[in-house]
Amino acid sequence: MNFHAVEYSFQAKAWQYQGKGAWYFISLPKDISKEIREHFKELEEGWGRLKAKASIGSTEWDTAIWYDSKQSCYLLPLKAEIRRKENIIEGRKVKAKIFI
């Protein structure tokens, strides 16, 4: 897959899923999610998983975004390592970039 073909920048608050695993995420804005879905849906794997590269602050990593049909947007998971490096806590608004 050719990353960096399209870049999306946004700001969103970090939140923690209350179910099993208690993962942290940021939800991509609905307008950006809609555009990504229109242009890249055919690249999605199971459960709406779309490979991507993400960037927050000085940290860039390979990841995937997941389409959440309940929120009608993609979710970017935030591993503990990323949260530590960039001092991300629940409720903090972060600037992020996604490269598809």
C-alpha atoms as a PDB file:
ATOM      1  CA  MET A   1       0.000   0.000   0.000  1.00  0.00           C
ATOM      2  CA  ASN A   2       1.270   3.456  -0.826  1.00  0.00           C
ATOM      3  CA  PHE A   3       1.131   5.502   2.354  1.00  0.00           C
ATOM      4  CA  HIS A   4       1.350   9.282   2.261  1.00  0.00           C
ATOM      5  CA  ALA A   5      -0.808   9.373  -0.847  1.00  0.00           C
ATOM      6  CA  VAL A   6      -3.443  11.351   1.072  1.00  0.00           C
ATOM      7  CA  GLU A   7      -2.991  13.198   4.365  1.00  0.00           C
ATOM      8  CA  TYR A   8      -5.808  14.122   6.744  1.00  0.00           C
ATOM      9  CA  SER A   9      -5.202  16.498   9.684  1.00  0.00           C
ATOM     10  CA  PHE A  10      -7.630  16.973  12.551  1.00  0.00           C
ATOM     11  CA  GLN A  11      -8.048  17.590  16.279  1.00  0.00           C
ATOM     12  CA  ALA A  12     -10.020  15.294  18.552  1.00  0.00           C
ATOM     13  CA  LYS A  13     -10.259  14.302  22.200  1.00  0.00           C
ATOM     14  CA  ALA A  14      -8.810  11.028  23.420  1.00  0.00           C
ATOM     15  CA  TRP A  15     -11.345   8.698  25.025  1.00  0.00           C
ATOM     16  CA  GLN A  16     -11.261   5.271  26.632  1.00  0.00           C
ATOM     17  CA  TYR A  17     -13.456   2.384  25.568  1.00  0.00           C
ATOM     18  CA  GLN A  18     -15.194   1.013  28.641  1.00  0.00           C
ATOM     19  CA  GLY A  19     -15.390  -2.584  27.429  1.00  0.00           C
ATOM     20  CA  LYS A  20     -12.872  -5.400  27.420  1.00  0.00           C
ATOM     21  CA  GLY A  21      -9.310  -4.200  26.978  1.00  0.00           C
ATOM     22  CA  ALA A  22     -10.131  -0.569  27.846  1.00  0.00           C
ATOM     23  CA  TRP A  23      -8.408   0.711  24.690  1.00  0.00           C
ATOM     24  CA  TYR A  24      -7.896   4.423  24.104  1.00  0.00           C
ATOM     25  CA  PHE A  25      -8.993   6.027  20.838  1.00  0.00           C
ATOM     26  CA  ILE A  26      -9.534   9.274  19.062  1.00  0.00           C
ATOM     27  CA  SER A  27     -12.507   9.499  16.724  1.00  0.00           C
ATOM     28  CA  LEU A  28     -11.838  10.996  13.330  1.00  0.00           C
ATOM     29  CA  PRO A  29     -14.253  13.803  12.404  1.00  0.00           C
ATOM     30  CA  LYS A  30     -17.309  12.587  10.521  1.00  0.00           C
ATOM     31  CA  ASP A  31     -16.562  14.644   7.403  1.00  0.00           C
ATOM     32  CA  ILE A  32     -13.044  13.208   7.152  1.00  0.00           C
ATOM     33  CA  SER A  33     -14.341   9.703   7.887  1.00  0.00           C
ATOM     34  CA  LYS A  34     -16.944  10.057   5.143  1.00  0.00           C
ATOM     35  CA  GLU A  35     -14.308  11.157   2.632  1.00  0.00           C
ATOM     36  CA  ILE A  36     -11.934   8.311   3.594  1.00  0.00           C
ATOM     37  CA  ARG A  37     -14.765   5.776   3.334  1.00  0.00           C
ATOM     38  CA  GLU A  38     -15.799   7.088  -0.097  1.00  0.00           C
ATOM     39  CA  HIS A  39     -12.261   6.900  -1.493  1.00  0.00           C
ATOM     40  CA  PHE A  40     -10.688   3.946   0.334  1.00  0.00           C
ATOM     41  CA  LYS A  41     -13.482   1.553   1.366  1.00  0.00           C
ATOM     42  CA  GLU A  42     -12.262  -1.031  -1.165  1.00  0.00           C
ATOM     43  CA  LEU A  43      -8.953  -1.208   0.773  1.00  0.00           C
ATOM     44  CA  GLU A  44     -10.667  -2.061   4.061  1.00  0.00           C
ATOM     45  CA  GLU A  45     -10.021  -5.465   5.550  1.00  0.00           C
ATOM     46  CA  GLY A  46     -12.331  -7.301   7.970  1.00  0.00           C
ATOM     47  CA  TRP A  47     -14.459  -5.256  10.380  1.00  0.00           C
ATOM     48  CA  GLY A  48     -13.774  -1.987   8.574  1.00  0.00           C
ATOM     49  CA  ARG A  49     -10.017  -2.060   9.262  1.00  0.00           C
ATOM     50  CA  LEU A  50      -7.994   0.254   7.030  1.00  0.00           C
ATOM     51  CA  LYS A  51      -4.190   0.292   7.176  1.00  0.00           C
ATOM     52  CA  ALA A  52      -2.764   3.759   7.738  1.00  0.00           C
ATOM     53  CA  LYS A  53       0.120   5.708   9.147  1.00  0.00           C
ATOM     54  CA  ALA A  54      -0.583   8.109  12.002  1.00  0.00           C
ATOM     55  CA  SER A  55       1.261  11.061  13.457  1.00  0.00           C
ATOM     56  CA  ILE A  56       0.779  12.889  16.753  1.00  0.00           C
ATOM     57  CA  GLY A  57       3.398  15.407  17.829  1.00  0.00           C
ATOM     58  CA  SER A  58       6.816  14.003  16.967  1.00  0.00           C
ATOM     59  CA  THR A  59       5.586  10.383  16.971  1.00  0.00           C
ATOM     60  CA  GLU A  60       4.698   8.612  13.717  1.00  0.00           C
ATOM     61  CA  TRP A  61       3.667   4.962  13.533  1.00  0.00           C
ATOM     62  CA  ASP A  62       2.112   2.313  11.317  1.00  0.00           C
ATOM     63  CA  THR A  63      -1.387   1.460  12.443  1.00  0.00           C
ATOM     64  CA  ALA A  64      -4.922   0.913  11.216  1.00  0.00           C
ATOM     65  CA  ILE A  65      -8.103   2.888  11.648  1.00  0.00           C
ATOM     66  CA  TRP A  66     -11.379   1.062  12.274  1.00  0.00           C
ATOM     67  CA  TYR A  67     -14.779   2.130  11.000  1.00  0.00           C
ATOM     68  CA  ASP A  68     -17.326   2.391  13.814  1.00  0.00           C
ATOM     69  CA  SER A  69     -20.796   2.189  12.285  1.00  0.00           C
ATOM     70  CA  LYS A  70     -22.413   3.333  15.563  1.00  0.00           C
ATOM     71  CA  GLN A  71     -20.536   6.656  15.461  1.00  0.00           C
ATOM     72  CA  SER A  72     -20.275   6.779  11.636  1.00  0.00           C
ATOM     73  CA  CYS A  73     -16.570   7.508  11.852  1.00  0.00           C
ATOM     74  CA  TYR A  74     -13.160   5.885  11.930  1.00  0.00           C
ATOM     75  CA  LEU A  75     -11.357   5.287  15.226  1.00  0.00           C
ATOM     76  CA  LEU A  76      -7.622   5.648  15.704  1.00  0.00           C
ATOM     77  CA  PRO A  77      -6.350   3.371  18.497  1.00  0.00           C
ATOM     78  CA  LEU A  78      -3.747   4.887  20.815  1.00  0.00           C
ATOM     79  CA  LYS A  79      -1.340   2.315  22.247  1.00  0.00           C
ATOM     80  CA  ALA A  80       0.164   2.977  25.686  1.00  0.00           C
ATOM     81  CA  GLU A  81       3.553   3.664  24.101  1.00  0.00           C
ATOM     82  CA  ILE A  82       2.094   6.461  21.963  1.00  0.00           C
ATOM     83  CA  ARG A  83       0.137   7.928  24.889  1.00  0.00           C
ATOM     84  CA  ARG A  84       3.285   8.005  27.041  1.00  0.00           C
ATOM     85  CA  LYS A  85       5.468   9.576  24.341  1.00  0.00           C
ATOM     86  CA  GLU A  86       2.947  12.320  23.612  1.00  0.00           C
ATOM     87  CA  ASN A  87       1.503  12.742  27.129  1.00  0.00           C
ATOM     88  CA  ILE A  88      -2.027  11.843  26.048  1.00  0.00           C
ATOM     89  CA  ILE A  89      -4.666  11.329  28.723  1.00  0.00           C
ATOM     90  CA  GLU A  90      -8.395  10.756  28.429  1.00  0.00           C
ATOM     91  CA  GLY A  91     -10.216  13.951  27.467  1.00  0.00           C
ATOM     92  CA  ARG A  92      -7.126  15.708  26.121  1.00  0.00           C
ATOM     93  CA  LYS A  93      -7.561  17.214  22.676  1.00  0.00           C
ATOM     94  CA  VAL A  94      -4.753  16.162  20.343  1.00  0.00           C
ATOM     95  CA  LYS A  95      -3.690  17.182  16.871  1.00  0.00           C
ATOM     96  CA  ALA A  96      -3.308  14.153  14.650  1.00  0.00           C
ATOM     97  CA  LYS A  97      -2.549  13.279  11.052  1.00  0.00           C
ATOM     98  CA  ILE A  98      -3.586  10.155   9.192  1.00  0.00           C
ATOM     99  CA  PHE A  99      -1.862   9.072   5.986  1.00  0.00           C
ATOM    100  CA  ILE A 100      -3.680   6.644   3.691  1.00  0.00           C
END
